[in-house]
Amino acid sequence: MSLTEHIHGEYVHNRRTRVLSDHLAKIIPQDFHMLDVGCGDGLLARLITQKRPDLDVRGIDVLVRDRVHIPIDEFDGQVIPYPDASFDGVMFVDVLHHTHDPIILLREAVRVARTAIVIKDHTLNGLCAGLTLRFMDRVGNARWGVALPYNYWPRQRWLRAFDMLRLKVGLWITQLGIYPWPASLVFDRSLHFAARLDLP
């Protein structure tokens, strides 16, 4: 493990999980049966349900780990293995930019969700956004074997995709405070968003 990876693990990963669980717990609707797509070991989902005991969450991932915090099924990364309208909602946390075509999974989410889709991802907006996001992705994910296509979209492309899928932006948050100061000056900026998208 490199020094950069060690610093990320010690000072960023735990804070990120805690901060995101706070934000997501506030924007997920009440009494929700939710599917966490690309959930990893399910730790984030478990922290959310600790804050929101009204939520019922299960996960899917392309690689199911030996030690997990929620029930997790394996999937192929493209087809969500559940029937139509199986869940109240679907959640993607820093997953869609790891796919070659986010629309594929977004369409699947629309198919299996009844009410809403919750997303935390990146926006390719601002000075040196692409380089910064690539660095963050490489440090946070490369050692775990996560695919890194660096498929980041600017905000307008996200909004066009949501419009095409008839998803209404119910909530859009950009000030997430994931990184501690002074790293926040470089790595927070306008590079992150969390959104709740309501189905028609």
C-alpha atoms as a PDB file:
ATOM      1  CA  MET A   1       0.000   0.000   0.000  1.00  0.00           C
ATOM      2  CA  SER A   2       1.375   3.386  -1.016  1.00  0.00           C
ATOM      3  CA  LEU A   3       1.570   6.347   1.362  1.00  0.00           C
ATOM      4  CA  THR A   4      -1.227   8.055  -0.586  1.00  0.00           C
ATOM      5  CA  GLU A   5      -3.473   4.984  -0.226  1.00  0.00           C
ATOM      6  CA  HIS A   6      -2.670   4.784   3.506  1.00  0.00           C
ATOM      7  CA  ILE A   7      -3.591   8.458   4.023  1.00  0.00           C
ATOM      8  CA  HIS A   8      -6.798   7.945   2.015  1.00  0.00           C
ATOM      9  CA  GLY A   9      -7.777   4.938   4.109  1.00  0.00           C
ATOM     10  CA  GLU A  10      -7.041   6.591   7.446  1.00  0.00           C
ATOM     11  CA  TYR A  11      -8.298  10.126   6.870  1.00  0.00           C
ATOM     12  CA  VAL A  12     -10.740  10.050   3.946  1.00  0.00           C
ATOM     13  CA  HIS A  13     -12.554   6.707   3.685  1.00  0.00           C
ATOM     14  CA  ASN A  14     -14.049   6.644   7.196  1.00  0.00           C
ATOM     15  CA  ARG A  15     -15.047  10.316   7.046  1.00  0.00           C
ATOM     16  CA  ARG A  16     -16.568   9.827   3.578  1.00  0.00           C
ATOM     17  CA  THR A  17     -18.705   6.910   4.760  1.00  0.00           C
ATOM     18  CA  ARG A  18     -19.924   8.816   7.814  1.00  0.00           C
ATOM     19  CA  VAL A  19     -20.641  12.064   5.945  1.00  0.00           C
ATOM     20  CA  LEU A  20     -22.441  10.329   3.078  1.00  0.00           C
ATOM     21  CA  SER A  21     -24.542   8.253   5.468  1.00  0.00           C
ATOM     22  CA  ASP A  22     -25.702  11.501   7.117  1.00  0.00           C
ATOM     23  CA  HIS A  23     -26.659  13.119   3.799  1.00  0.00           C
ATOM     24  CA  LEU A  24     -28.325  10.043   2.319  1.00  0.00           C
ATOM     25  CA  ALA A  25     -30.283   9.287   5.478  1.00  0.00           C
ATOM     26  CA  LYS A  26     -31.880  12.730   5.099  1.00  0.00           C
ATOM     27  CA  ILE A  27     -32.902  12.431   1.447  1.00  0.00           C
ATOM     28  CA  ILE A  28     -34.200   8.847   1.270  1.00  0.00           C
ATOM     29  CA  PRO A  29     -38.011   8.809   1.631  1.00  0.00           C
ATOM     30  CA  GLN A  30     -39.690   7.296   4.683  1.00  0.00           C
ATOM     31  CA  ASP A  31     -40.396   3.565   5.073  1.00  0.00           C
ATOM     32  CA  PHE A  32     -38.351   2.669   2.023  1.00  0.00           C
ATOM     33  CA  HIS A  33     -37.498  -0.806   0.722  1.00  0.00           C
ATOM     34  CA  MET A  34     -34.293   0.049  -1.136  1.00  0.00           C
ATOM     35  CA  LEU A  35     -31.772  -1.687  -3.384  1.00  0.00           C
ATOM     36  CA  ASP A  36     -28.166  -0.474  -3.077  1.00  0.00           C
ATOM     37  CA  VAL A  37     -26.510  -1.150  -6.455  1.00  0.00           C
ATOM     38  CA  GLY A  38     -22.730  -1.554  -6.335  1.00  0.00           C
ATOM     39  CA  CYS A  39     -22.841  -1.575  -2.551  1.00  0.00           C
ATOM     40  CA  GLY A  40     -19.378  -3.048  -1.880  1.00  0.00           C
ATOM     41  CA  ASP A  41     -19.433  -4.586   1.590  1.00  0.00           C
ATOM     42  CA  GLY A  42     -22.662  -2.762   2.500  1.00  0.00           C
ATOM     43  CA  LEU A  43     -21.128  -0.660   5.279  1.00  0.00           C
ATOM     44  CA  LEU A  44     -22.593   2.604   4.006  1.00  0.00           C
ATOM     45  CA  ALA A  45     -26.075   1.072   3.770  1.00  0.00           C
ATOM     46  CA  ARG A  46     -25.760  -0.290   7.314  1.00  0.00           C
ATOM     47  CA  LEU A  47     -24.793   3.142   8.666  1.00  0.00           C
ATOM     48  CA  ILE A  48     -27.784   4.661   6.879  1.00  0.00           C
ATOM     49  CA  THR A  49     -30.177   2.109   8.408  1.00  0.00           C
ATOM     50  CA  GLN A  50     -28.724   2.762  11.852  1.00  0.00           C
ATOM     51  CA  LYS A  51     -29.797   6.390  11.439  1.00  0.00           C
ATOM     52  CA  ARG A  52     -33.034   5.397   9.697  1.00  0.00           C
ATOM     53  CA  PRO A  53     -34.459   2.171  11.184  1.00  0.00           C
ATOM     54  CA  ASP A  54     -37.560   2.591   8.973  1.00  0.00           C
ATOM     55  CA  LEU A  55     -35.436   1.603   5.944  1.00  0.00           C
ATOM     56  CA  ASP A  56     -35.001  -1.917   4.610  1.00  0.00           C
ATOM     57  CA  VAL A  57     -31.923  -2.241   2.380  1.00  0.00           C
ATOM     58  CA  ARG A  58     -30.391  -5.064   0.404  1.00  0.00           C
ATOM     59  CA  GLY A  59     -27.492  -4.816  -2.011  1.00  0.00           C
ATOM     60  CA  ILE A  60     -26.094  -6.138  -5.257  1.00  0.00           C
ATOM     61  CA  ASP A  61     -22.517  -6.011  -6.493  1.00  0.00           C
ATOM     62  CA  VAL A  62     -20.391  -7.590  -9.196  1.00  0.00           C
ATOM     63  CA  LEU A  63     -18.135  -8.983  -6.468  1.00  0.00           C
ATOM     64  CA  VAL A  64     -19.689 -10.237  -3.230  1.00  0.00           C
ATOM     65  CA  ARG A  65     -17.146 -10.066  -0.429  1.00  0.00           C
ATOM     66  CA  ASP A  66     -16.718 -12.606   2.358  1.00  0.00           C
ATOM     67  CA  ARG A  67     -17.656 -10.155   5.103  1.00  0.00           C
ATOM     68  CA  VAL A  68     -20.715  -7.988   4.457  1.00  0.00           C
ATOM     69  CA  HIS A  69     -22.976  -5.715   6.506  1.00  0.00           C
ATOM     70  CA  ILE A  70     -26.256  -6.221   4.594  1.00  0.00           C
ATOM     71  CA  PRO A  71     -27.713  -9.032   2.452  1.00  0.00           C
ATOM     72  CA  ILE A  72     -25.971  -8.851  -0.952  1.00  0.00           C
ATOM     73  CA  ASP A  73     -26.584 -10.692  -4.224  1.00  0.00           C
ATOM     74  CA  GLU A  74     -24.155 -10.927  -7.117  1.00  0.00           C
ATOM     75  CA  PHE A  75     -25.028  -9.389 -10.497  1.00  0.00           C
ATOM     76  CA  ASP A  76     -23.386  -8.875 -13.876  1.00  0.00           C
ATOM     77  CA  GLY A  77     -23.053  -5.098 -13.629  1.00  0.00           C
ATOM     78  CA  GLN A  78     -25.774  -4.387 -16.199  1.00  0.00           C
ATOM     79  CA  VAL A  79     -28.999  -6.288 -15.500  1.00  0.00           C
ATOM     80  CA  ILE A  80     -30.529  -5.861 -12.041  1.00  0.00           C
ATOM     81  CA  PRO A  81     -31.683  -9.404 -11.160  1.00  0.00           C
ATOM     82  CA  TYR A  82     -35.149  -8.545  -9.828  1.00  0.00           C
ATOM     83  CA  PRO A  83     -38.615  -8.186 -11.412  1.00  0.00           C
ATOM     84  CA  ASP A  84     -40.187  -4.846 -12.326  1.00  0.00           C
ATOM     85  CA  ALA A  85     -41.180  -2.605  -9.399  1.00  0.00           C
ATOM     86  CA  SER A  86     -39.492  -4.874  -6.829  1.00  0.00           C
ATOM     87  CA  PHE A  87     -38.286  -1.998  -4.619  1.00  0.00           C
ATOM     88  CA  ASP A  88     -39.514   1.399  -3.494  1.00  0.00           C
ATOM     89  CA  GLY A  89     -36.208   2.799  -4.670  1.00  0.00           C
ATOM     90  CA  VAL A  90     -32.690   2.204  -5.922  1.00  0.00           C
ATOM     91  CA  MET A  91     -29.469   3.812  -4.692  1.00  0.00           C
ATOM     92  CA  PHE A  92     -26.185   4.326  -6.566  1.00  0.00           C
ATOM     93  CA  VAL A  93     -23.271   5.708  -4.541  1.00  0.00           C
ATOM     94  CA  ASP A  94     -20.227   6.492  -6.708  1.00  0.00           C
ATOM     95  CA  VAL A  95     -21.145   3.621  -9.024  1.00  0.00           C
ATOM     96  CA  LEU A  96     -22.363   5.055 -12.316  1.00  0.00           C
ATOM     97  CA  HIS A  97     -19.059   6.674 -13.303  1.00  0.00           C
ATOM     98  CA  HIS A  98     -17.495   3.198 -13.071  1.00  0.00           C
ATOM     99  CA  THR A  99     -19.689   1.968 -15.933  1.00  0.00           C
ATOM    100  CA  HIS A 100     -19.110   2.495 -19.649  1.00  0.00           C
ATOM    101  CA  ASP A 101     -22.742   3.586 -20.084  1.00  0.00           C
ATOM    102  CA  PRO A 102     -24.571   4.833 -16.967  1.00  0.00           C
ATOM    103  CA  ILE A 103     -27.853   4.903 -18.903  1.00  0.00           C
ATOM    104  CA  ILE A 104     -27.963   1.081 -18.876  1.00  0.00           C
ATOM    105  CA  LEU A 105     -28.092   0.902 -15.072  1.00  0.00           C
ATOM    106  CA  LEU A 106     -30.305   3.970 -14.790  1.00  0.00           C
ATOM    107  CA  ARG A 107     -32.879   2.311 -17.070  1.00  0.00           C
ATOM    108  CA  GLU A 108     -32.687  -0.827 -14.939  1.00  0.00           C
ATOM    109  CA  ALA A 109     -33.216   1.270 -11.821  1.00  0.00           C
ATOM    110  CA  VAL A 110     -36.300   2.882 -13.366  1.00  0.00           C
ATOM    111  CA  ARG A 111     -37.588  -0.610 -14.141  1.00  0.00           C
ATOM    112  CA  VAL A 112     -37.212  -2.062 -10.635  1.00  0.00           C
ATOM    113  CA  ALA A 113     -38.044   1.070  -8.595  1.00  0.00           C
ATOM    114  CA  ARG A 114     -41.544   2.260  -7.747  1.00  0.00           C
ATOM    115  CA  THR A 115     -40.896   5.699  -6.257  1.00  0.00           C
ATOM    116  CA  ALA A 116     -37.379   7.167  -6.399  1.00  0.00           C
ATOM    117  CA  ILE A 117     -33.728   6.756  -7.311  1.00  0.00           C
ATOM    118  CA  VAL A 118     -31.001   8.157  -5.054  1.00  0.00           C
ATOM    119  CA  ILE A 119     -27.598   8.950  -6.556  1.00  0.00           C
ATOM    120  CA  LYS A 120     -24.300  10.189  -5.224  1.00  0.00           C
ATOM    121  CA  ASP A 121     -21.776  10.748  -8.005  1.00  0.00           C
ATOM    122  CA  HIS A 122     -19.484  13.323  -9.591  1.00  0.00           C
ATOM    123  CA  THR A 123     -19.854  16.276 -11.925  1.00  0.00           C
ATOM    124  CA  LEU A 124     -17.182  17.087 -14.477  1.00  0.00           C
ATOM    125  CA  ASN A 125     -17.392  20.815 -13.791  1.00  0.00           C
ATOM    126  CA  GLY A 126     -14.741  23.242 -12.631  1.00  0.00           C
ATOM    127  CA  LEU A 127     -11.009  23.815 -13.002  1.00  0.00           C
ATOM    128  CA  CYS A 128      -9.038  20.599 -13.668  1.00  0.00           C
ATOM    129  CA  ALA A 129     -12.120  18.538 -12.766  1.00  0.00           C
ATOM    130  CA  GLY A 130     -11.144  15.566 -14.934  1.00  0.00           C
ATOM    131  CA  LEU A 131      -7.627  15.279 -13.542  1.00  0.00           C
ATOM    132  CA  THR A 132      -8.835  15.673  -9.965  1.00  0.00           C
ATOM    133  CA  LEU A 133     -11.560  13.027 -10.348  1.00  0.00           C
ATOM    134  CA  ARG A 134      -9.156  10.572 -11.991  1.00  0.00           C
ATOM    135  CA  PHE A 135      -6.698  11.002  -9.117  1.00  0.00           C
ATOM    136  CA  MET A 136      -9.439  10.506  -6.506  1.00  0.00           C
ATOM    137  CA  ASP A 137     -10.754   7.424  -8.311  1.00  0.00           C
ATOM    138  CA  ARG A 138      -7.336   5.834  -8.729  1.00  0.00           C
ATOM    139  CA  VAL A 139      -6.349   6.342  -5.094  1.00  0.00           C
ATOM    140  CA  GLY A 140      -9.697   5.183  -3.710  1.00  0.00           C
ATOM    141  CA  ASN A 141     -10.410   2.233  -5.988  1.00  0.00           C
ATOM    142  CA  ALA A 142      -7.489   0.872  -8.032  1.00  0.00           C
ATOM    143  CA  ARG A 143      -6.108  -1.390  -5.291  1.00  0.00           C
ATOM    144  CA  TRP A 144      -9.526  -3.085  -4.963  1.00  0.00           C
ATOM    145  CA  GLY A 145      -9.685  -4.002  -8.654  1.00  0.00           C
ATOM    146  CA  VAL A 146     -12.619  -1.662  -9.346  1.00  0.00           C
ATOM    147  CA  ALA A 147     -13.110  -0.802 -13.044  1.00  0.00           C
ATOM    148  CA  LEU A 148     -11.885   2.727 -13.787  1.00  0.00           C
ATOM    149  CA  PRO A 149     -13.303   3.943 -17.113  1.00  0.00           C
ATOM    150  CA  TYR A 150     -13.239   7.526 -15.753  1.00  0.00           C
ATOM    151  CA  ASN A 151     -16.686   8.140 -17.205  1.00  0.00           C
ATOM    152  CA  TYR A 152     -17.522  11.451 -15.553  1.00  0.00           C
ATOM    153  CA  TRP A 153     -20.383  13.633 -16.780  1.00  0.00           C
ATOM    154  CA  PRO A 154     -20.923  17.375 -16.403  1.00  0.00           C
ATOM    155  CA  ARG A 155     -24.071  18.394 -14.572  1.00  0.00           C
ATOM    156  CA  GLN A 156     -25.958  19.204 -17.780  1.00  0.00           C
ATOM    157  CA  ARG A 157     -25.398  15.700 -19.148  1.00  0.00           C
ATOM    158  CA  TRP A 158     -26.753  14.181 -15.933  1.00  0.00           C
ATOM    159  CA  LEU A 159     -29.828  16.391 -16.202  1.00  0.00           C
ATOM    160  CA  ARG A 160     -30.374  15.440 -19.855  1.00  0.00           C
ATOM    161  CA  ALA A 161     -30.164  11.746 -18.932  1.00  0.00           C
ATOM    162  CA  PHE A 162     -32.682  12.184 -16.119  1.00  0.00           C
ATOM    163  CA  ASP A 163     -35.019  14.066 -18.438  1.00  0.00           C
ATOM    164  CA  MET A 164     -34.744  11.356 -21.097  1.00  0.00           C
ATOM    165  CA  LEU A 165     -35.722   8.737 -18.498  1.00  0.00           C
ATOM    166  CA  ARG A 166     -38.588  10.967 -17.248  1.00  0.00           C
ATOM    167  CA  LEU A 167     -36.980  11.313 -13.820  1.00  0.00           C
ATOM    168  CA  LYS A 168     -37.768  14.486 -11.916  1.00  0.00           C
ATOM    169  CA  VAL A 169     -35.024  15.976  -9.738  1.00  0.00           C
ATOM    170  CA  GLY A 170     -36.637  16.198  -6.317  1.00  0.00           C
ATOM    171  CA  LEU A 171     -33.441  17.204  -4.528  1.00  0.00           C
ATOM    172  CA  TRP A 172     -29.908  18.092  -5.646  1.00  0.00           C
ATOM    173  CA  ILE A 173     -27.121  18.745  -3.095  1.00  0.00           C
ATOM    174  CA  THR A 174     -23.580  19.821  -3.997  1.00  0.00           C
ATOM    175  CA  GLN A 175     -22.067  20.929  -0.683  1.00  0.00           C
ATOM    176  CA  LEU A 176     -21.365  17.492   0.790  1.00  0.00           C
ATOM    177  CA  GLY A 177     -18.229  18.227   2.832  1.00  0.00           C
ATOM    178  CA  ILE A 178     -16.691  14.808   2.213  1.00  0.00           C
ATOM    179  CA  TYR A 179     -13.051  15.847   2.655  1.00  0.00           C
ATOM    180  CA  PRO A 180     -11.431  17.471   5.687  1.00  0.00           C
ATOM    181  CA  TRP A 181      -9.791  20.887   5.347  1.00  0.00           C
ATOM    182  CA  PRO A 182      -7.466  21.679   3.551  1.00  0.00           C
ATOM    183  CA  ALA A 183      -8.066  18.714   1.184  1.00  0.00           C
ATOM    184  CA  SER A 184     -11.627  20.007   0.745  1.00  0.00           C
ATOM    185  CA  LEU A 185     -10.263  23.021  -1.165  1.00  0.00           C
ATOM    186  CA  VAL A 186      -9.090  20.670  -3.937  1.00  0.00           C
ATOM    187  CA  PHE A 187     -11.329  17.604  -3.720  1.00  0.00           C
ATOM    188  CA  ASP A 188     -14.771  18.905  -2.714  1.00  0.00           C
ATOM    189  CA  ARG A 189     -15.474  22.029  -4.794  1.00  0.00           C
ATOM    190  CA  SER A 190     -18.248  21.321  -7.358  1.00  0.00           C
ATOM    191  CA  LEU A 191     -17.102  17.762  -8.040  1.00  0.00           C
ATOM    192  CA  HIS A 192     -19.765  15.881  -6.032  1.00  0.00           C
ATOM    193  CA  PHE A 193     -23.529  15.751  -5.923  1.00  0.00           C
ATOM    194  CA  ALA A 194     -26.239  13.778  -4.193  1.00  0.00           C
ATOM    195  CA  ALA A 195     -29.695  13.702  -5.719  1.00  0.00           C
ATOM    196  CA  ARG A 196     -33.130  12.180  -5.235  1.00  0.00           C
ATOM    197  CA  LEU A 197     -34.914  11.521  -8.511  1.00  0.00           C
ATOM    198  CA  ASP A 198     -38.636  10.932  -8.412  1.00  0.00           C
ATOM    199  CA  LEU A 199     -40.293   8.499 -10.806  1.00  0.00           C
ATOM    200  CA  PRO A 200     -43.403   9.606 -12.722  1.00  0.00           C
END
